[in-house]
Amino acid sequence: VWLVDSRLKAVYAIESSGKIVDSVQGEFERPVGVAYHPILNRILVSDLALKKIFIIKMGEGFEIEGSFTDKGNIDGPTALSVGRDGRVYICDALSGEVIVYSKDFELVTKFGGFGDGPGSFSRPKGIAVDAEGLIYVTDALFDNTQIFDSDGQLLLALGYGGSGLGEFSQPNGVAIDANGLLYIADS
């Protein structure tokens, strides 16, 4: 498990037993998101304050290998996800967009944006990509998760505000397990 601690400005590797086995810190200002990049065998960490994606090398120790920034497109990177094809998906809290980069960090597309209609966001907080390339984005203000195809076209919105079954109150995170089950972390 990789854990980002914004207050301590650190990223930790944690065993299933809960033991911290490695960490990296020093260059972060406000790390908020983390994702594993299987093609590069690297950890990606978004830093909201620095508007960067850090690339962390694993192996005999964690170390920051480099960083990626695209000031023309990334304003406030928060949640990250990496698809099977190596594409990097970034929730941008300051533009309300999902920004998609190739495995080599070349801009592919952007979609969403601030708004109150289907396919737009108010407070995108979490992002995940499934094995078929579908993109799931939680929105904390809309209290839902929107599902998009690989081109960024809205397919479905799940949930609405409340405390019952299928209802959410500021959902923050989203993940998909190896069996394709969807998990949504709700505040």
Protein backbone atom coordinates (compact mmCIF):
# COMPACT_ATOMS: atom_id res chain seq x y z
CA VAL A 1 0.00 0.00 0.00
CA TRP A 2 1.24 3.49 -0.81
CA LEU A 3 0.09 6.27 1.48
CA VAL A 4 0.42 10.01 0.90
CA ASP A 5 0.61 12.26 3.97
CA SER A 6 0.03 15.90 2.99
CA ARG A 7 0.82 17.28 6.44
CA LEU A 8 4.14 15.47 6.75
CA LYS A 9 4.86 15.93 3.01
CA ALA A 10 5.75 12.27 2.61
CA VAL A 11 4.86 9.08 0.75
CA TYR A 12 5.01 5.74 2.57
CA ALA A 13 5.15 2.12 1.43
CA ILE A 14 3.24 -0.03 3.91
CA GLU A 15 3.11 -3.84 4.14
CA SER A 16 -0.21 -5.62 4.61
CA SER A 17 0.73 -6.04 8.27
CA GLY A 18 0.74 -2.26 8.65
CA LYS A 19 4.51 -1.93 8.96
CA ILE A 20 6.08 1.02 7.13
CA VAL A 21 8.82 -0.41 4.94
CA ASP A 22 9.96 2.69 3.07
CA SER A 23 9.25 6.38 2.61
CA VAL A 24 10.28 9.38 0.59
CA GLN A 25 9.97 13.06 1.43
CA GLY A 26 11.77 16.31 0.95
CA GLU A 27 10.63 17.74 -2.38
CA PHE A 28 6.88 17.70 -1.78
CA GLU A 29 4.84 20.72 -0.81
CA ARG A 30 1.32 19.25 -0.69
CA PRO A 31 1.21 15.66 -1.97
CA VAL A 32 -2.39 14.50 -2.30
CA GLY A 33 -2.71 11.62 -4.78
CA VAL A 34 -0.85 8.41 -5.50
CA ALA A 35 -1.06 5.76 -8.21
CA TYR A 36 1.04 2.83 -9.38
CA HIS A 37 2.17 2.91 -13.02
CA PRO A 38 2.53 -0.78 -14.00
CA ILE A 39 4.21 -0.19 -17.36
CA LEU A 40 6.89 2.10 -15.91
CA ASN A 41 6.99 0.23 -12.56
CA ARG A 42 6.91 3.59 -10.82
CA ILE A 43 4.74 5.35 -8.26
CA LEU A 44 3.17 8.64 -9.35
CA VAL A 45 2.39 11.29 -6.73
CA SER A 46 0.40 14.45 -7.41
CA ASP A 47 1.38 17.62 -5.61
CA LEU A 48 -1.44 20.17 -5.49
CA ALA A 49 0.71 23.11 -4.39
CA LEU A 50 3.56 22.54 -6.87
CA LYS A 51 1.23 21.51 -9.73
CA LYS A 52 3.46 18.52 -10.44
CA ILE A 53 3.34 14.78 -10.79
CA PHE A 54 6.37 13.21 -9.10
CA ILE A 55 7.77 9.94 -10.43
CA ILE A 56 9.10 7.66 -7.69
CA LYS A 57 11.42 4.76 -8.39
CA MET A 58 10.99 1.62 -6.32
CA GLY A 59 13.43 -1.15 -5.65
CA GLU A 60 16.06 -1.15 -2.96
CA GLY A 61 14.57 2.10 -1.73
CA PHE A 62 12.11 4.78 -2.64
CA GLU A 63 13.58 7.77 -4.42
CA ILE A 64 12.21 10.60 -6.50
CA GLU A 65 13.36 9.95 -10.04
CA GLY A 66 11.86 13.06 -11.58
CA SER A 67 8.68 15.04 -12.00
CA PHE A 68 6.25 16.02 -14.68
CA THR A 69 4.45 19.33 -14.96
CA ASP A 70 2.35 20.83 -17.70
CA LYS A 71 1.57 24.37 -16.63
CA GLY A 72 -0.64 24.92 -19.66
CA ASN A 73 -2.93 22.06 -18.66
CA ILE A 74 -2.45 21.10 -15.00
CA ASP A 75 -3.70 23.64 -12.46
CA GLY A 76 -4.44 21.56 -9.37
CA PRO A 77 -3.68 17.85 -9.67
CA THR A 78 -5.30 15.75 -6.99
CA ALA A 79 -6.41 12.15 -7.59
CA LEU A 80 -4.55 9.94 -10.06
CA SER A 81 -5.18 6.67 -11.82
CA VAL A 82 -3.29 4.68 -14.44
CA GLY A 83 -5.01 2.53 -17.06
CA ARG A 84 -3.83 -0.83 -18.36
CA ASP A 85 -2.40 0.90 -21.44
CA GLY A 86 -0.30 3.19 -19.23
CA ARG A 87 -2.42 6.29 -19.73
CA VAL A 88 -2.34 8.60 -16.73
CA TYR A 89 -5.66 10.11 -15.59
CA ILE A 90 -5.56 13.19 -13.37
CA CYS A 91 -8.41 14.93 -11.53
CA ASP A 92 -7.70 18.64 -11.61
CA ALA A 93 -9.40 20.37 -8.69
CA LEU A 94 -8.79 23.89 -10.00
CA SER A 95 -10.12 23.38 -13.53
CA GLY A 96 -12.71 20.70 -12.74
CA GLU A 97 -11.34 18.62 -15.59
CA VAL A 98 -10.00 15.13 -16.05
CA ILE A 99 -6.70 15.36 -17.91
CA VAL A 100 -5.41 12.30 -19.73
CA TYR A 101 -1.76 11.73 -20.65
CA SER A 102 -0.06 8.92 -22.51
CA LYS A 103 2.33 6.61 -20.67
CA ASP A 104 5.08 8.98 -21.84
CA PHE A 105 3.27 12.02 -20.37
CA GLU A 106 2.06 13.49 -23.67
CA LEU A 107 -1.35 15.18 -23.48
CA VAL A 108 -4.07 12.93 -24.97
CA THR A 109 -7.31 14.70 -24.02
CA LYS A 110 -9.22 16.62 -21.37
CA PHE A 111 -12.88 16.39 -20.47
CA GLY A 112 -15.34 17.65 -17.90
CA GLY A 113 -14.89 21.14 -16.55
CA PHE A 114 -16.86 23.04 -13.94
CA GLY A 115 -20.61 22.98 -14.35
CA ASP A 116 -23.78 21.54 -12.94
CA GLY A 117 -24.88 19.30 -15.79
CA PRO A 118 -24.10 15.73 -16.74
CA GLY A 119 -20.47 15.23 -17.74
CA SER A 120 -19.24 18.24 -15.79
CA PHE A 121 -17.92 18.46 -12.25
CA SER A 122 -18.18 20.66 -9.21
CA ARG A 123 -15.63 19.04 -6.92
CA PRO A 124 -13.95 16.01 -8.55
CA LYS A 125 -12.20 14.06 -5.81
CA GLY A 126 -11.42 10.52 -6.94
CA ILE A 127 -10.66 8.71 -10.18
CA ALA A 128 -10.24 5.08 -11.24
CA VAL A 129 -9.99 3.27 -14.57
CA ASP A 130 -11.23 -0.29 -15.03
CA ALA A 131 -9.82 -3.09 -17.20
CA GLU A 132 -12.10 -2.07 -20.09
CA GLY A 133 -10.90 1.55 -20.01
CA LEU A 134 -14.01 3.01 -18.38
CA ILE A 135 -13.24 6.05 -16.22
CA TYR A 136 -14.97 6.56 -12.85
CA VAL A 137 -14.88 10.02 -11.23
CA THR A 138 -16.34 10.84 -7.80
CA ASP A 139 -17.71 14.33 -7.26
CA ALA A 140 -17.95 15.46 -3.63
CA LEU A 141 -20.43 18.26 -4.27
CA PHE A 142 -22.72 16.35 -6.66
CA ASP A 143 -22.58 13.34 -4.29
CA ASN A 144 -22.15 10.91 -7.18
CA THR A 145 -19.76 8.95 -9.34
CA GLN A 146 -19.84 9.55 -13.08
CA ILE A 147 -18.71 6.87 -15.53
CA PHE A 148 -17.10 7.84 -18.84
CA ASP A 149 -15.90 5.90 -21.84
CA SER A 150 -12.25 6.08 -22.90
CA ASP A 151 -13.03 9.16 -25.05
CA GLY A 152 -14.46 11.08 -22.09
CA GLN A 153 -18.11 10.67 -23.07
CA LEU A 154 -20.48 10.34 -20.12
CA LEU A 155 -22.16 6.94 -19.89
CA LEU A 156 -23.81 6.95 -16.47
CA ALA A 157 -23.99 8.77 -13.14
CA LEU A 158 -24.34 6.69 -9.96
CA GLY A 159 -25.80 7.92 -6.71
CA TYR A 160 -27.12 11.14 -5.29
CA GLY A 161 -27.07 12.98 -1.98
CA GLY A 162 -28.32 11.26 1.16
CA SER A 163 -27.50 8.57 3.69
CA GLY A 164 -29.38 5.54 2.33
CA LEU A 165 -28.44 2.79 -0.08
CA GLY A 166 -27.01 4.32 -3.27
CA GLU A 167 -26.77 7.73 -1.63
CA PHE A 168 -23.58 9.60 -0.80
CA SER A 169 -22.34 12.51 1.24
CA GLN A 170 -19.18 13.93 -0.31
CA PRO A 171 -17.67 10.81 -1.89
CA ASN A 172 -13.90 11.18 -2.09
CA GLY A 173 -12.24 8.07 -3.41
CA VAL A 174 -13.00 5.40 -5.94
CA ALA A 175 -11.23 2.13 -6.72
CA ILE A 176 -11.81 -1.00 -8.76
CA ASP A 177 -10.46 -4.36 -7.64
CA ALA A 178 -9.10 -7.21 -9.77
CA ASN A 179 -12.60 -8.72 -10.02
CA GLY A 180 -14.08 -5.48 -11.37
CA LEU A 181 -15.88 -4.54 -8.17
CA LEU A 182 -16.32 -0.80 -7.64
CA TYR A 183 -15.51 0.73 -4.24
CA ILE A 184 -16.47 4.31 -3.36
CA ALA A 185 -15.15 6.02 -0.21
CA ASP A 186 -17.81 8.29 1.21
CA SER A 187 -17.20 11.03 3.74
